[in-house]
């Protein structure tokens, strides 16, 4: 699923995947987003004063790798990035059956629009609608269904583009979200500004954030905001938010985190991700070790495949050219039959087997 949602595309894709699985319309969804770097986009974003001027930053004594500096008082816009990411979202029973390595559990996901603003890139507050009803909101109820509450949210991976307008606006959003959910005022919410490392990949940005947030939950390690020298004084009013500048290692696992993504055109999305043990806890105790073993084997095979691809081995992706057979004239008939037959499956040779056609042929 690759919707059109500007810089929030990957997060809206996750919401679509979440909704399709929860509603029973899909068992597995390939979600994510991507964007390329192009001259037109570069000129357009610069014309809106959304990107950092390398000349101005260098004149201020800021080296190139520190020009993306979210929440810093000397921030001056985002640094262009490119790329994307893929997130496989699966129903729990499918993940167990296939031994899929679960990196995180999507507790809830939602997208929102802003009200009328002064311009297309002007940030808005529509995302606060995620906690409409406070403790009775869908987000709060979803957390409770997993035995969690607002104080179990340890980190937030913010959109944080390093623009003058976005970073304070998004901080306000998270302060309001925390307050409405009933988070204790003395419980710090650690902020991750991943674009200070990756740049802004627009449509693929939230896919990067998803992977990063899952790594944080699994490892218990909260990364620093390395380009942050001095937090903007305007952010002091948001007492719950903390911007670490050194790595933090949590004792034990982190239970949950939030991801927010905002796009030009007044679209925003939020995803609540919970530690993968929330999934393991749903498996019958006598079957957990078997699942962990199968998932570990898949992880190992995947890691070996990635390493091999990086050193000249088999590519990570090979286009499947023969799933509909080798006879061009029969491909359309096979494709049509496959789409309407619920028992159609890929055979051992990588070609679709459609019972209705096989029976007719016999």
Protein backbone atom coordinates (compact mmCIF):
# COMPACT_ATOMS: atom_id res chain seq x y z
CA UNK A 1 0.00 0.00 0.00
CA UNK A 2 1.51 3.32 -1.05
CA UNK A 3 -1.00 6.15 -0.53
CA UNK A 4 -0.44 9.77 -1.50
CA UNK A 5 0.10 11.67 1.75
CA UNK A 6 3.18 13.82 1.10
CA UNK A 7 5.75 13.43 3.88
CA UNK A 8 3.34 11.32 5.97
CA UNK A 9 2.92 8.67 3.27
CA UNK A 10 4.60 5.75 5.05
CA UNK A 11 2.72 6.42 8.30
CA UNK A 12 -0.63 6.61 6.51
CA UNK A 13 0.32 3.37 4.78
CA UNK A 14 0.76 1.74 8.19
CA UNK A 15 -2.66 3.01 9.22
CA UNK A 16 -4.17 1.50 6.07
CA UNK A 17 -2.46 -1.81 6.82
CA UNK A 18 -3.64 -1.74 10.44
CA UNK A 19 -7.23 -1.00 9.41
CA UNK A 20 -7.34 -3.67 6.71
CA UNK A 21 -6.10 -6.36 9.07
CA UNK A 22 -8.35 -5.30 11.96
CA UNK A 23 -11.38 -5.27 9.66
CA UNK A 24 -10.61 -8.71 8.27
CA UNK A 25 -9.97 -7.50 4.73
CA UNK A 26 -6.35 -8.68 4.75
CA UNK A 27 -4.11 -11.05 6.67
CA UNK A 28 -0.76 -9.63 5.54
CA UNK A 29 -0.09 -6.17 4.12
CA UNK A 30 3.11 -4.79 2.61
CA UNK A 31 3.23 -1.17 3.78
CA UNK A 32 5.76 1.65 3.63
CA UNK A 33 6.74 4.52 1.42
CA UNK A 34 9.50 6.01 -0.69
CA UNK A 35 10.63 9.18 -2.40
CA UNK A 36 13.46 10.10 -4.72
CA UNK A 37 15.62 13.19 -4.75
CA UNK A 38 14.94 15.47 -7.69
CA UNK A 39 15.84 18.93 -8.91
CA UNK A 40 12.23 20.12 -8.97
CA UNK A 41 11.62 19.14 -5.36
CA UNK A 42 14.88 20.69 -4.26
CA UNK A 43 13.97 24.03 -5.83
CA UNK A 44 10.41 23.91 -4.55
CA UNK A 45 11.28 23.20 -0.92
CA UNK A 46 14.02 25.82 -0.99
CA UNK A 47 11.55 28.40 -2.34
CA UNK A 48 9.34 27.72 0.69
CA UNK A 49 12.34 28.17 3.02
CA UNK A 50 11.82 24.59 4.20
CA UNK A 51 15.39 23.41 3.60
CA UNK A 52 18.61 24.48 5.24
CA UNK A 53 20.94 26.69 3.20
CA UNK A 54 24.35 25.05 3.23
CA UNK A 55 26.05 28.38 2.55
CA UNK A 56 24.33 30.07 5.49
CA UNK A 57 24.98 27.14 7.82
CA UNK A 58 28.65 26.98 6.87
CA UNK A 59 28.94 30.72 7.46
CA UNK A 60 27.55 30.11 10.95
CA UNK A 61 30.27 27.53 11.61
CA UNK A 62 28.02 24.47 11.32
CA UNK A 63 29.57 21.53 9.48
CA UNK A 64 27.58 19.63 6.84
CA UNK A 65 26.80 16.57 8.94
CA UNK A 66 25.26 18.78 11.65
CA UNK A 67 23.01 20.89 9.44
CA UNK A 68 19.93 18.81 10.23
CA UNK A 69 19.49 19.92 13.85
CA UNK A 70 15.94 19.41 15.06
CA UNK A 71 14.79 21.45 18.06
CA UNK A 72 18.07 23.34 18.21
CA UNK A 73 17.93 27.12 18.46
CA UNK A 74 20.15 27.35 15.34
CA UNK A 75 18.06 25.03 13.17
CA UNK A 76 17.27 26.42 9.72
CA UNK A 77 15.32 23.78 7.82
CA UNK A 78 15.62 20.16 6.82
CA UNK A 79 18.37 18.43 4.88
CA UNK A 80 17.23 16.55 1.79
CA UNK A 81 17.23 12.76 1.92
CA UNK A 82 15.94 10.02 -0.32
CA UNK A 83 14.91 6.40 -0.13
CA UNK A 84 12.17 4.44 1.50
CA UNK A 85 11.29 1.40 3.50
CA UNK A 86 9.00 -1.59 3.54
CA UNK A 87 7.09 -2.78 6.60
CA UNK A 88 5.41 -6.19 6.53
CA UNK A 89 2.30 -5.99 8.73
CA UNK A 90 0.77 -9.37 9.54
CA UNK A 91 -2.06 -10.73 11.63
CA UNK A 92 -0.78 -12.42 14.77
CA UNK A 93 -1.80 -15.96 13.88
CA UNK A 94 -0.11 -15.66 10.49
CA UNK A 95 3.08 -14.39 12.12
CA UNK A 96 3.06 -17.37 14.48
CA UNK A 97 2.28 -19.92 11.78
CA UNK A 98 5.07 -18.69 9.49
CA UNK A 99 7.55 -18.00 12.27
CA UNK A 100 7.86 -14.37 11.24
CA UNK A 101 10.26 -12.35 13.43
CA UNK A 102 7.99 -9.77 15.07
CA UNK A 103 9.83 -6.49 15.62
CA UNK A 104 6.91 -4.63 17.16
CA UNK A 105 3.17 -4.71 17.66
CA UNK A 106 1.03 -1.95 16.18
CA UNK A 107 -1.34 -1.14 19.02
CA UNK A 108 -3.10 1.63 17.11
CA UNK A 109 -2.67 3.89 14.09
CA UNK A 110 -4.63 6.86 12.81
CA UNK A 111 -4.41 9.75 10.37
CA UNK A 112 -5.85 13.24 10.69
CA UNK A 113 -6.18 16.49 8.81
CA UNK A 114 -5.75 20.04 10.06
CA UNK A 115 -8.18 22.92 9.94
CA UNK A 116 -7.87 25.87 7.60
CA UNK A 117 -4.33 27.26 7.77
CA UNK A 118 -2.50 30.18 6.24
CA UNK A 119 -0.70 28.05 3.66
CA UNK A 120 -0.20 24.48 2.49
CA UNK A 121 3.05 23.93 4.44
CA UNK A 122 1.84 25.65 7.62
CA UNK A 123 1.74 23.12 10.48
CA UNK A 124 -1.52 22.40 12.27
CA UNK A 125 -2.88 20.60 15.32
CA UNK A 126 -5.16 17.99 13.76
CA UNK A 127 -3.10 15.14 15.21
CA UNK A 128 -4.36 15.97 18.70
CA UNK A 129 -7.63 14.40 17.54
CA UNK A 130 -6.00 11.03 18.25
CA UNK A 131 -6.88 11.50 21.93
CA UNK A 132 -10.38 12.82 21.51
CA UNK A 133 -12.13 11.57 24.61
CA UNK A 134 -8.92 11.27 26.64
CA UNK A 135 -8.94 7.96 28.45
CA UNK A 136 -11.87 6.81 26.32
CA UNK A 137 -10.09 7.57 23.02
CA UNK A 138 -9.32 4.67 20.66
CA UNK A 139 -5.61 5.16 21.32
CA UNK A 140 -6.04 4.90 25.09
CA UNK A 141 -8.32 1.88 24.76
CA UNK A 142 -5.85 0.16 22.45
CA UNK A 143 -3.05 0.63 24.97
CA UNK A 144 -5.21 -0.72 27.80
CA UNK A 145 -6.06 -3.80 25.74
CA UNK A 146 -2.35 -4.65 25.90
CA UNK A 147 -2.05 -3.86 29.61
CA UNK A 148 -0.46 -0.46 29.03
CA UNK A 149 -1.23 3.17 29.74
CA UNK A 150 0.23 6.56 28.87
CA UNK A 151 3.09 6.22 31.36
CA UNK A 152 4.33 3.09 29.57
CA UNK A 153 5.13 5.14 26.45
CA UNK A 154 8.87 5.66 26.87
CA UNK A 155 9.85 7.38 23.64
CA UNK A 156 8.41 9.31 20.74
CA UNK A 157 9.94 9.33 17.27
CA UNK A 158 8.97 12.78 16.04
CA UNK A 159 8.70 14.03 12.49
CA UNK A 160 11.10 16.84 13.53
CA UNK A 161 12.16 18.40 10.24
CA UNK A 162 14.38 21.08 11.82
CA UNK A 163 12.15 23.84 10.45
CA UNK A 164 11.29 26.82 12.59
CA UNK A 165 7.57 26.02 12.46
CA UNK A 166 7.36 22.23 12.69
CA UNK A 167 9.43 21.39 15.74
CA UNK A 168 7.58 23.61 18.26
CA UNK A 169 4.20 22.70 16.75
CA UNK A 170 4.89 18.99 17.02
CA UNK A 171 6.18 19.41 20.57
CA UNK A 172 2.92 21.11 21.49
CA UNK A 173 1.02 18.21 19.93
CA UNK A 174 2.88 15.65 22.06
CA UNK A 175 2.45 17.65 25.23
CA UNK A 176 -1.31 17.79 24.57
CA UNK A 177 -1.42 14.09 23.68
CA UNK A 178 0.37 13.17 26.90
CA UNK A 179 -1.87 15.38 29.00
CA UNK A 180 -5.09 14.03 27.48
CA UNK A 181 -3.94 10.43 27.97
CA UNK A 182 -3.20 11.13 31.63
CA UNK A 183 0.58 10.82 31.53
CA UNK A 184 2.20 11.84 34.82
CA UNK A 185 3.85 15.25 34.60
CA UNK A 186 7.10 13.96 36.13
CA UNK A 187 7.44 11.04 33.72
CA UNK A 188 9.92 12.07 30.97
CA UNK A 189 9.04 11.35 27.35
CA UNK A 190 12.28 10.91 25.42
CA UNK A 191 12.36 12.45 21.95
CA UNK A 192 14.07 10.83 18.97
CA UNK A 193 14.68 13.11 15.97
CA UNK A 194 15.82 10.56 13.40
CA UNK A 195 16.00 12.99 10.48
CA UNK A 196 19.08 14.54 12.06
CA UNK A 197 20.82 11.34 10.90
CA UNK A 198 18.90 10.29 7.78
CA UNK A 199 17.79 13.61 6.34
CA UNK A 200 14.20 13.99 5.22
CA UNK A 201 13.10 11.26 2.81
CA UNK A 202 9.56 12.67 2.61
CA UNK A 203 7.33 9.72 1.63
CA UNK A 204 9.74 7.18 3.11
CA UNK A 205 10.45 9.06 6.33
CA UNK A 206 8.04 7.21 8.61
CA UNK A 207 9.31 3.86 7.33
CA UNK A 208 12.75 4.87 8.59
CA UNK A 209 11.17 5.92 11.89
CA UNK A 210 9.29 2.63 12.23
CA UNK A 211 12.45 0.59 11.89
CA UNK A 212 14.32 2.86 14.28
CA UNK A 213 11.57 2.80 16.91
CA UNK A 214 11.37 -1.00 16.80
CA UNK A 215 15.14 -1.18 17.34
CA UNK A 216 14.85 1.14 20.32
CA UNK A 217 12.10 -0.93 21.94
CA UNK A 218 13.97 -4.19 21.42
CA UNK A 219 17.37 -2.95 22.60
CA UNK A 220 16.32 -0.59 25.37
CA UNK A 221 18.84 1.91 23.97
CA UNK A 222 17.61 5.44 23.26
CA UNK A 223 19.79 7.22 20.69
CA UNK A 224 21.01 10.77 21.21
CA UNK A 225 20.12 13.80 19.14
CA UNK A 226 23.73 14.36 18.12
CA UNK A 227 23.28 17.66 16.31
CA UNK A 228 21.45 19.24 19.22
CA UNK A 229 23.65 21.84 20.90
CA UNK A 230 21.06 23.97 22.68
CA UNK A 231 17.34 23.25 22.84
CA UNK A 232 15.22 26.12 21.54
CA UNK A 233 14.03 28.16 24.51
CA UNK A 234 10.47 28.15 23.15
CA UNK A 235 10.32 24.41 23.90
CA UNK A 236 10.89 24.79 27.64
CA UNK A 237 7.13 25.01 28.20
CA UNK A 238 6.74 21.35 27.22
CA UNK A 239 7.84 19.89 30.52
CA UNK A 240 7.33 16.21 29.73
CA UNK A 241 9.57 16.18 26.65
CA UNK A 242 13.26 15.38 27.03
CA UNK A 243 15.84 15.62 24.22
CA UNK A 244 18.83 13.41 25.12
CA UNK A 245 22.22 14.35 23.71
CA UNK A 246 23.93 11.17 24.92
CA UNK A 247 22.86 7.53 24.48
CA UNK A 248 20.57 6.27 27.21
CA UNK A 249 20.46 2.59 28.15
CA UNK A 250 17.26 1.62 29.89
CA UNK A 251 17.27 -1.11 32.50
CA UNK A 252 15.13 -3.75 30.88
CA UNK A 253 13.03 -3.36 27.78
CA UNK A 254 11.02 -0.32 26.79
CA UNK A 255 7.34 -1.19 26.59
CA UNK A 256 5.96 1.22 23.99
CA UNK A 257 6.64 4.23 21.81
CA UNK A 258 4.83 6.65 19.53
CA UNK A 259 5.67 7.68 15.99
CA UNK A 260 4.31 10.84 14.40
CA UNK A 261 4.57 11.96 10.80
CA UNK A 262 3.26 15.17 9.22
CA UNK A 263 2.93 16.15 5.58
CA UNK A 264 2.38 19.29 3.55
CA UNK A 265 -1.28 19.63 2.68
CA UNK A 266 -2.33 19.24 6.33
CA UNK A 267 -2.12 15.48 6.74
CA UNK A 268 -0.69 13.81 9.82
CA UNK A 269 -0.51 10.29 11.22
CA UNK A 270 0.37 8.64 14.51
CA UNK A 271 1.35 5.03 15.17
CA UNK A 272 1.64 3.40 18.61
CA UNK A 273 4.14 0.53 18.60
CA UNK A 274 4.56 -1.91 21.49
CA UNK A 275 7.47 -4.20 22.37
CA UNK A 276 7.34 -7.54 20.47
CA UNK A 277 6.91 -9.45 23.73
CA UNK A 278 3.30 -8.24 23.65
CA UNK A 279 2.87 -10.62 20.72
CA UNK A 280 4.77 -13.48 22.35
CA UNK A 281 2.54 -13.15 25.41
CA UNK A 282 -0.47 -14.11 23.28
CA UNK A 283 1.08 -17.46 22.37
CA UNK A 284 0.32 -20.44 24.60
CA UNK A 285 3.27 -20.87 27.01
CA UNK A 286 4.19 -24.35 25.77
CA UNK A 287 4.50 -23.05 22.19
CA UNK A 288 6.56 -19.93 22.79
CA UNK A 289 9.97 -21.58 22.62
CA UNK A 290 9.06 -23.20 19.30
CA UNK A 291 8.01 -19.83 17.88
CA UNK A 292 11.18 -18.14 19.13
CA UNK A 293 13.30 -20.87 17.53
CA UNK A 294 11.59 -20.57 14.15
CA UNK A 295 11.68 -16.78 14.24
CA UNK A 296 15.38 -16.81 15.13
CA UNK A 297 16.09 -19.09 12.17
CA UNK A 298 14.26 -16.72 9.83
CA UNK A 299 16.17 -13.75 11.24
CA UNK A 300 19.48 -15.51 10.74
CA UNK A 301 18.66 -16.45 7.14
CA UNK A 302 17.56 -12.90 6.44
CA UNK A 303 20.71 -11.42 7.92
CA UNK A 304 22.90 -13.75 5.88
CA UNK A 305 20.99 -12.78 2.73
CA UNK A 306 21.50 -9.08 3.44
CA UNK A 307 25.20 -9.50 4.11
CA UNK A 308 25.66 -11.58 0.96
CA UNK A 309 23.92 -8.95 -1.16
CA UNK A 310 26.23 -6.26 0.17
CA UNK A 311 29.36 -8.18 -0.83
CA UNK A 312 28.31 -9.16 -4.34
CA UNK A 313 26.15 -12.19 -3.65
CA UNK A 314 22.58 -12.82 -4.73
CA UNK A 315 20.50 -9.63 -4.88
CA UNK A 316 17.92 -9.02 -2.19
CA UNK A 317 15.14 -8.90 -4.73
CA UNK A 318 14.67 -10.83 -7.95
CA UNK A 319 11.59 -10.03 -10.00
CA UNK A 320 9.35 -13.11 -10.27
CA UNK A 321 8.76 -13.33 -14.02
CA UNK A 322 7.07 -16.73 -14.22
CA UNK A 323 4.40 -16.75 -11.52
CA UNK A 324 1.71 -16.79 -14.19
CA UNK A 325 3.45 -19.39 -16.31
CA UNK A 326 5.56 -19.25 -19.43
CA UNK A 327 2.75 -19.09 -21.99
CA UNK A 328 1.81 -15.44 -22.66
CA UNK A 329 -1.56 -16.39 -24.14
CA UNK A 330 -2.62 -18.19 -20.96
CA UNK A 331 -1.36 -15.62 -18.46
CA UNK A 332 -4.44 -13.42 -18.45
CA UNK A 333 -6.72 -16.40 -17.91
CA UNK A 334 -4.53 -17.68 -15.08
CA UNK A 335 -4.34 -14.24 -13.47
CA UNK A 336 -8.11 -13.80 -13.62
CA UNK A 337 -8.70 -17.26 -12.16
CA UNK A 338 -6.14 -16.66 -9.42
CA UNK A 339 -7.86 -13.44 -8.36
CA UNK A 340 -11.24 -15.11 -7.80
CA UNK A 341 -10.12 -18.47 -6.39
CA UNK A 342 -9.47 -18.28 -2.62
CA UNK A 343 -7.46 -21.51 -2.78
CA UNK A 344 -4.91 -20.25 -5.33
CA UNK A 345 -1.36 -20.69 -4.06
CA UNK A 346 2.19 -20.43 -5.32
CA UNK A 347 3.53 -23.86 -6.19
CA UNK A 348 7.01 -25.21 -5.42
CA UNK A 349 8.20 -24.03 -8.84
CA UNK A 350 7.12 -20.44 -8.15
CA UNK A 351 4.08 -20.61 -10.46
CA UNK A 352 0.52 -20.10 -9.25
CA UNK A 353 -1.57 -23.22 -8.79
CA UNK A 354 -5.28 -22.50 -9.24
CA UNK A 355 -7.52 -25.45 -8.29
CA UNK A 356 -10.36 -24.40 -10.59
CA UNK A 357 -8.06 -24.42 -13.62
CA UNK A 358 -6.24 -27.59 -12.56
CA UNK A 359 -9.54 -29.42 -12.15
CA UNK A 360 -10.79 -28.23 -15.53
CA UNK A 361 -7.56 -29.36 -17.17
CA UNK A 362 -7.82 -32.82 -15.64
